[in-house]
Amino acid sequence: MPAGWEWDETLYWGAAAYYRRGRLPYPAGLQGRFAAAADLRGAPRLIDVGCGPGPVAVALAPLFAGVVGVDPDPDMLAEAARLAAESGVTNARWVRLRGEELPAGLGRFRYATFAQSFHWMDRERVARAIFDMLEPGGAFVHINTVVADPPPPPPLPFPAPPEAEIRRLVRAYLGDVPRAGRGVLAHGTPAGEAAVLAGAGYRPARVVPVPGRQVIARDIEDIVAQVFSLSSSAPHLFGADLAAFEAALRQLLARAADHGRFSQWLGDIQLDIY
């Protein structure tokens, strides 16, 4: 959990409706790379902790007899259920709870996945709980979007979104210290997952690369959604200034776009399997 910050239920208020459109997708090879690295014999189950709107759980569901996605935000779970229905996934269920509330009677699992969620939790407590929920030979899987020595992106056909200018605009409305729910992230979010997991009894990670390396076409609506999908610029944080901020954001994007078009580079990720 970030130093000096306490979790509260407003962390992603209003962001769920923007998340699926705004966030870059996981690489198309995620399911195949997971399947090649995993032990899927028998009838394994997966738990996705901090599942958000369900992209990982839904992508991996065909590999498992059953999937449970857990998240404290009811709007995120509603989006996850919608994505599952659209994708024809029938073996997943969605449970509203925090990672700190596990095991919550959910049973045993072969794998537990965490994608951009573990840093928000009491990591030591959640790591111990998951350790006791795993079958013998099971694993904690960190879907890691920060990889060493990523390949450089190719020349992009359209401009990249003006990330630095967007950050400056957010700071102009919300202040210089990143917001997170009712609190602030004065010290950022923590790293050092390997040490936390070693302390909970996990073996060292086996790293499985998942290549991305794809240019993604984006438009102004996509980038607006990306901004509002972030905890640091979730819609509720702007209060009465929301409409003014969105208008300023759209003006900024219109100036930076090529006839409303942007490009973004989908880089590599990796599975850290503990």
Protein backbone atom coordinates (compact mmCIF):
# COMPACT_ATOMS: atom_id res chain seq x y z
CA MET A 1 0.00 0.00 0.00
CA PRO A 2 1.37 3.46 -0.78
CA ALA A 3 3.18 5.10 2.14
CA GLY A 4 1.11 7.74 3.87
CA TRP A 5 -2.09 6.75 2.06
CA GLU A 6 -5.17 4.88 3.27
CA TRP A 7 -7.50 3.04 0.94
CA ASP A 8 -10.99 4.40 0.50
CA GLU A 9 -13.85 3.37 -1.71
CA THR A 10 -13.68 6.49 -3.88
CA LEU A 11 -10.35 5.50 -5.46
CA TYR A 12 -11.85 4.76 -8.89
CA TRP A 13 -15.27 6.38 -8.53
CA GLY A 14 -16.62 7.19 -11.96
CA ALA A 15 -13.67 5.64 -13.80
CA ALA A 16 -15.22 2.28 -14.67
CA ALA A 17 -17.25 3.64 -17.58
CA TYR A 18 -14.04 4.91 -19.19
CA TYR A 19 -11.65 2.09 -18.38
CA ARG A 20 -12.24 -0.35 -21.20
CA ARG A 21 -12.08 2.31 -23.90
CA GLY A 22 -9.34 4.38 -22.33
CA ARG A 23 -6.72 1.87 -21.26
CA LEU A 24 -4.44 0.27 -23.80
CA PRO A 25 -5.27 -3.43 -24.24
CA TYR A 26 -3.06 -6.22 -23.02
CA PRO A 27 -1.13 -7.92 -25.82
CA ALA A 28 -3.13 -10.39 -27.88
CA GLY A 29 -0.64 -13.12 -26.96
CA LEU A 30 -1.41 -12.95 -23.22
CA GLN A 31 -3.63 -16.02 -23.18
CA GLY A 32 -1.26 -18.14 -25.27
CA ARG A 33 1.82 -17.22 -23.25
CA PHE A 34 -0.01 -17.90 -20.00
CA ALA A 35 -1.23 -21.27 -21.29
CA ALA A 36 2.27 -22.28 -22.39
CA ALA A 37 3.73 -21.43 -18.98
CA ALA A 38 0.96 -22.78 -16.74
CA ASP A 39 -0.02 -26.18 -15.43
CA LEU A 40 -3.59 -26.50 -16.66
CA ARG A 41 -4.11 -30.20 -16.03
CA GLY A 42 -7.34 -31.25 -14.35
CA ALA A 43 -9.87 -28.54 -13.53
CA PRO A 44 -7.84 -25.53 -12.36
CA ARG A 45 -9.41 -22.35 -11.02
CA LEU A 46 -8.16 -18.76 -11.31
CA ILE A 47 -8.71 -15.80 -9.02
CA ASP A 48 -8.02 -12.31 -10.40
CA VAL A 49 -7.51 -9.91 -7.50
CA GLY A 50 -8.33 -6.28 -8.17
CA CYS A 51 -9.88 -7.37 -11.45
CA GLY A 52 -11.28 -3.98 -12.43
CA PRO A 53 -13.47 -4.31 -15.54
CA GLY A 54 -12.20 -7.84 -16.13
CA PRO A 55 -9.78 -7.76 -19.09
CA VAL A 56 -7.37 -10.30 -17.62
CA ALA A 57 -9.96 -12.60 -16.08
CA VAL A 58 -11.99 -12.68 -19.29
CA ALA A 59 -8.92 -13.24 -21.47
CA LEU A 60 -7.75 -16.18 -19.35
CA ALA A 61 -11.17 -17.69 -18.57
CA PRO A 62 -11.10 -20.21 -21.48
CA LEU A 63 -8.06 -21.85 -19.84
CA PHE A 64 -9.83 -22.59 -16.55
CA ALA A 65 -12.71 -24.56 -15.15
CA GLY A 66 -13.74 -21.49 -13.18
CA VAL A 67 -12.65 -17.91 -12.66
CA VAL A 68 -13.40 -15.53 -9.79
CA GLY A 69 -12.76 -11.81 -10.20
CA VAL A 70 -12.71 -9.72 -7.04
CA ASP A 71 -12.74 -5.93 -6.78
CA PRO A 72 -14.12 -3.41 -4.27
CA ASP A 73 -15.68 -1.16 -6.92
CA PRO A 74 -19.20 -2.29 -7.92
CA ASP A 75 -19.11 -0.33 -11.18
CA MET A 76 -15.91 -2.13 -12.20
CA LEU A 77 -17.59 -5.47 -11.50
CA ALA A 78 -20.61 -4.47 -13.58
CA GLU A 79 -18.26 -3.67 -16.47
CA ALA A 80 -16.50 -7.01 -15.97
CA ALA A 81 -19.80 -8.89 -16.13
CA ARG A 82 -20.70 -6.97 -19.29
CA LEU A 83 -17.35 -7.81 -20.92
CA ALA A 84 -17.74 -11.48 -19.99
CA ALA A 85 -21.20 -11.61 -21.55
CA GLU A 86 -19.99 -9.89 -24.72
CA SER A 87 -17.07 -12.34 -24.92
CA GLY A 88 -19.20 -15.45 -24.37
CA VAL A 89 -17.49 -16.25 -21.07
CA THR A 90 -19.81 -18.24 -18.81
CA ASN A 91 -17.41 -19.68 -16.22
CA ALA A 92 -16.58 -16.43 -14.39
CA ARG A 93 -18.19 -14.80 -11.39
CA TRP A 94 -17.56 -11.41 -9.88
CA VAL A 95 -17.31 -10.74 -6.14
CA ARG A 96 -17.19 -7.36 -4.47
CA LEU A 97 -14.45 -7.36 -1.87
CA ARG A 98 -11.00 -6.02 -1.16
CA GLY A 99 -7.92 -8.20 -1.36
CA GLU A 100 -7.51 -7.71 2.39
CA GLU A 101 -10.82 -9.54 2.93
CA LEU A 102 -9.57 -12.78 1.38
CA PRO A 103 -9.95 -15.76 1.64
CA ALA A 104 -13.66 -14.94 2.10
CA GLY A 105 -14.68 -18.59 1.63
CA LEU A 106 -13.81 -18.58 -2.06
CA GLY A 107 -11.93 -21.88 -1.97
CA ARG A 108 -8.64 -22.96 -3.53
CA PHE A 109 -7.08 -21.83 -6.78
CA ARG A 110 -4.28 -22.94 -9.09
CA TYR A 111 -3.34 -19.37 -10.01
CA ALA A 112 -3.92 -15.87 -8.66
CA THR A 113 -3.37 -12.95 -11.01
CA PHE A 114 -2.68 -9.33 -10.12
CA ALA A 115 -2.61 -6.74 -12.91
CA GLN A 116 -1.88 -3.14 -11.88
CA SER A 117 -3.59 -3.77 -8.55
CA PHE A 118 -1.18 -5.20 -5.94
CA HIS A 119 0.39 -1.81 -5.12
CA TRP A 120 -2.97 -0.53 -3.81
CA MET A 121 -3.20 -3.31 -1.22
CA ASP A 122 -1.70 -4.23 2.12
CA ARG A 123 0.73 -6.36 0.17
CA GLU A 124 2.10 -8.46 3.01
CA ARG A 125 -1.38 -9.36 4.25
CA VAL A 126 -2.75 -10.14 0.79
CA ALA A 127 0.34 -12.15 -0.20
CA ARG A 128 -0.06 -14.37 2.87
CA ALA A 129 -3.77 -14.85 2.25
CA ILE A 130 -3.21 -15.86 -1.38
CA PHE A 131 -0.37 -18.21 -0.39
CA ASP A 132 -2.82 -20.15 1.77
CA MET A 133 -5.48 -20.17 -0.98
CA LEU A 134 -3.25 -21.71 -3.65
CA GLU A 135 -3.18 -25.40 -4.46
CA PRO A 136 0.16 -27.17 -4.03
CA GLY A 137 2.22 -26.08 -7.01
CA GLY A 138 0.01 -23.05 -7.63
CA ALA A 139 1.37 -19.58 -8.23
CA PHE A 140 0.92 -15.87 -7.73
CA VAL A 141 1.18 -14.20 -11.16
CA HIS A 142 2.05 -10.53 -11.41
CA ILE A 143 1.11 -9.23 -14.85
CA ASN A 144 3.94 -6.76 -15.09
CA THR A 145 3.74 -3.86 -17.51
CA VAL A 146 7.21 -2.58 -16.57
CA VAL A 147 9.85 -4.63 -18.38
CA ALA A 148 13.61 -4.20 -18.56
CA ASP A 149 15.13 -2.87 -21.79
CA PRO A 150 11.90 -2.61 -23.82
CA PRO A 151 12.36 -2.31 -27.57
CA PRO A 152 12.00 1.26 -28.84
CA PRO A 153 8.77 2.10 -30.62
CA PRO A 154 8.83 2.52 -34.37
CA PRO A 155 7.94 5.83 -36.03
CA LEU A 156 4.25 6.42 -35.39
CA PRO A 157 1.86 7.30 -38.22
CA PHE A 158 0.08 9.94 -36.11
CA PRO A 159 1.12 12.00 -33.08
CA ALA A 160 1.38 10.38 -29.70
CA PRO A 161 -1.01 11.80 -27.09
CA PRO A 162 0.51 14.85 -25.36
CA GLU A 163 1.07 13.13 -22.02
CA ALA A 164 3.19 15.87 -20.43
CA GLU A 165 0.67 18.55 -21.32
CA ILE A 166 -2.19 16.41 -19.99
CA ARG A 167 -0.36 15.97 -16.69
CA ARG A 168 0.17 19.71 -16.43
CA LEU A 169 -3.53 20.32 -17.07
CA VAL A 170 -4.52 17.79 -14.38
CA ARG A 171 -2.14 19.45 -11.92
CA ALA A 172 -3.64 22.85 -12.69
CA TYR A 173 -7.02 21.55 -11.49
CA LEU A 174 -6.03 19.04 -8.80
CA GLY A 175 -2.69 20.24 -7.46
CA ASP A 176 0.89 19.10 -7.78
CA VAL A 177 0.62 16.00 -5.56
CA PRO A 178 -1.19 13.13 -7.33
CA ARG A 179 -4.65 12.45 -5.94
CA ALA A 180 -5.92 9.01 -5.01
CA GLY A 181 -9.44 8.78 -3.67
CA ARG A 182 -9.76 11.11 -0.69
CA GLY A 183 -6.01 11.09 -0.18
CA VAL A 184 -2.83 11.89 -2.07
CA LEU A 185 0.18 9.90 -3.23
CA ALA A 186 2.93 11.98 -1.70
CA HIS A 187 5.40 9.12 -2.16
CA GLY A 188 4.00 7.38 -5.25
CA THR A 189 3.09 3.71 -5.32
CA PRO A 190 5.42 1.04 -3.94
CA ALA A 191 7.59 -1.37 -5.89
CA GLY A 192 9.64 -4.29 -4.54
CA GLU A 193 7.01 -6.99 -5.11
CA ALA A 194 9.66 -9.72 -5.20
CA ALA A 195 10.83 -8.97 -1.65
CA VAL A 196 7.26 -8.83 -0.34
CA LEU A 197 6.42 -12.19 -1.93
CA ALA A 198 9.64 -13.81 -0.75
CA GLY A 199 8.73 -12.78 2.78
CA ALA A 200 5.36 -14.51 2.39
CA GLY A 201 7.00 -17.79 1.33
CA TYR A 202 6.81 -17.66 -2.47
CA ARG A 203 9.59 -19.01 -4.67
CA PRO A 204 11.58 -16.65 -6.92
CA ALA A 205 9.76 -15.49 -10.01
CA ARG A 206 9.89 -17.22 -13.36
CA VAL A 207 9.61 -14.50 -16.01
CA VAL A 208 7.58 -15.14 -19.15
CA PRO A 209 7.76 -12.38 -21.79
CA VAL A 210 4.57 -11.38 -23.59
CA PRO A 211 5.39 -9.32 -26.69
CA GLY A 212 3.14 -6.43 -27.56
CA ARG A 213 4.90 -4.37 -30.24
CA GLN A 214 1.83 -3.02 -31.92
CA VAL A 215 0.82 0.47 -32.98
CA ILE A 216 -2.67 1.29 -31.69
CA ALA A 217 -4.89 3.83 -33.45
CA ARG A 218 -6.57 6.25 -31.03
CA ASP A 219 -8.88 9.22 -31.25
CA ILE A 220 -9.77 12.10 -28.95
CA GLU A 221 -12.56 10.14 -27.24
CA ASP A 222 -10.09 7.34 -26.46
CA ILE A 223 -7.64 9.74 -24.82
CA VAL A 224 -10.37 11.49 -22.82
CA ALA A 225 -11.41 8.04 -21.59
CA GLN A 226 -7.80 7.20 -20.78
CA VAL A 227 -7.48 10.29 -18.58
CA PHE A 228 -10.74 9.61 -16.72
CA SER A 229 -9.80 5.94 -16.23
CA LEU A 230 -6.88 6.87 -13.99
CA SER A 231 -7.17 7.02 -10.22
CA SER A 232 -5.23 10.29 -10.28
CA SER A 233 -7.78 11.94 -12.59
CA ALA A 234 -10.98 10.01 -11.89
CA PRO A 235 -14.05 12.14 -12.68
CA HIS A 236 -15.17 12.66 -9.09
CA LEU A 237 -11.92 14.40 -8.15
CA PHE A 238 -12.81 17.47 -10.24
CA GLY A 239 -16.11 18.15 -8.47
CA ALA A 240 -17.82 21.23 -9.86
CA ASP A 241 -14.86 21.80 -12.23
CA LEU A 242 -15.39 18.56 -14.16
CA ALA A 243 -17.03 20.15 -17.19
CA ALA A 244 -14.41 22.91 -17.37
CA PHE A 245 -11.57 20.40 -17.11
CA GLU A 246 -13.04 18.18 -19.82
CA ALA A 247 -13.52 21.15 -22.14
CA ALA A 248 -9.90 22.21 -21.60
CA LEU A 249 -8.72 18.64 -22.14
CA ARG A 250 -10.60 18.36 -25.40
CA GLN A 251 -9.17 21.66 -26.62
CA LEU A 252 -5.66 20.47 -25.79
CA LEU A 253 -6.20 17.18 -27.62
CA ALA A 254 -7.72 18.87 -30.66
CA ARG A 255 -4.61 21.04 -30.99
CA ALA A 256 -2.27 18.04 -30.64
CA ALA A 257 -4.11 15.58 -32.90
CA ASP A 258 -3.78 15.01 -36.61
CA HIS A 259 -7.39 15.46 -37.70
CA GLY A 260 -8.49 13.88 -34.43
CA ARG A 261 -6.10 10.95 -34.70
CA PHE A 262 -3.32 9.72 -32.41
CA SER A 263 -1.09 6.64 -32.31
CA GLN A 264 0.16 4.78 -29.24
CA TRP A 265 2.74 2.04 -28.97
CA LEU A 266 1.65 -1.14 -27.21
CA GLY A 267 4.88 -2.43 -25.73
CA ASP A 268 5.89 -5.73 -24.19
CA ILE A 269 4.70 -6.96 -20.80
CA GLN A 270 5.72 -10.01 -18.79
CA LEU A 271 4.29 -12.61 -16.45
CA ASP A 272 6.19 -12.81 -13.18
CA ILE A 273 5.17 -16.25 -11.91
CA TYR A 274 5.99 -16.77 -8.23
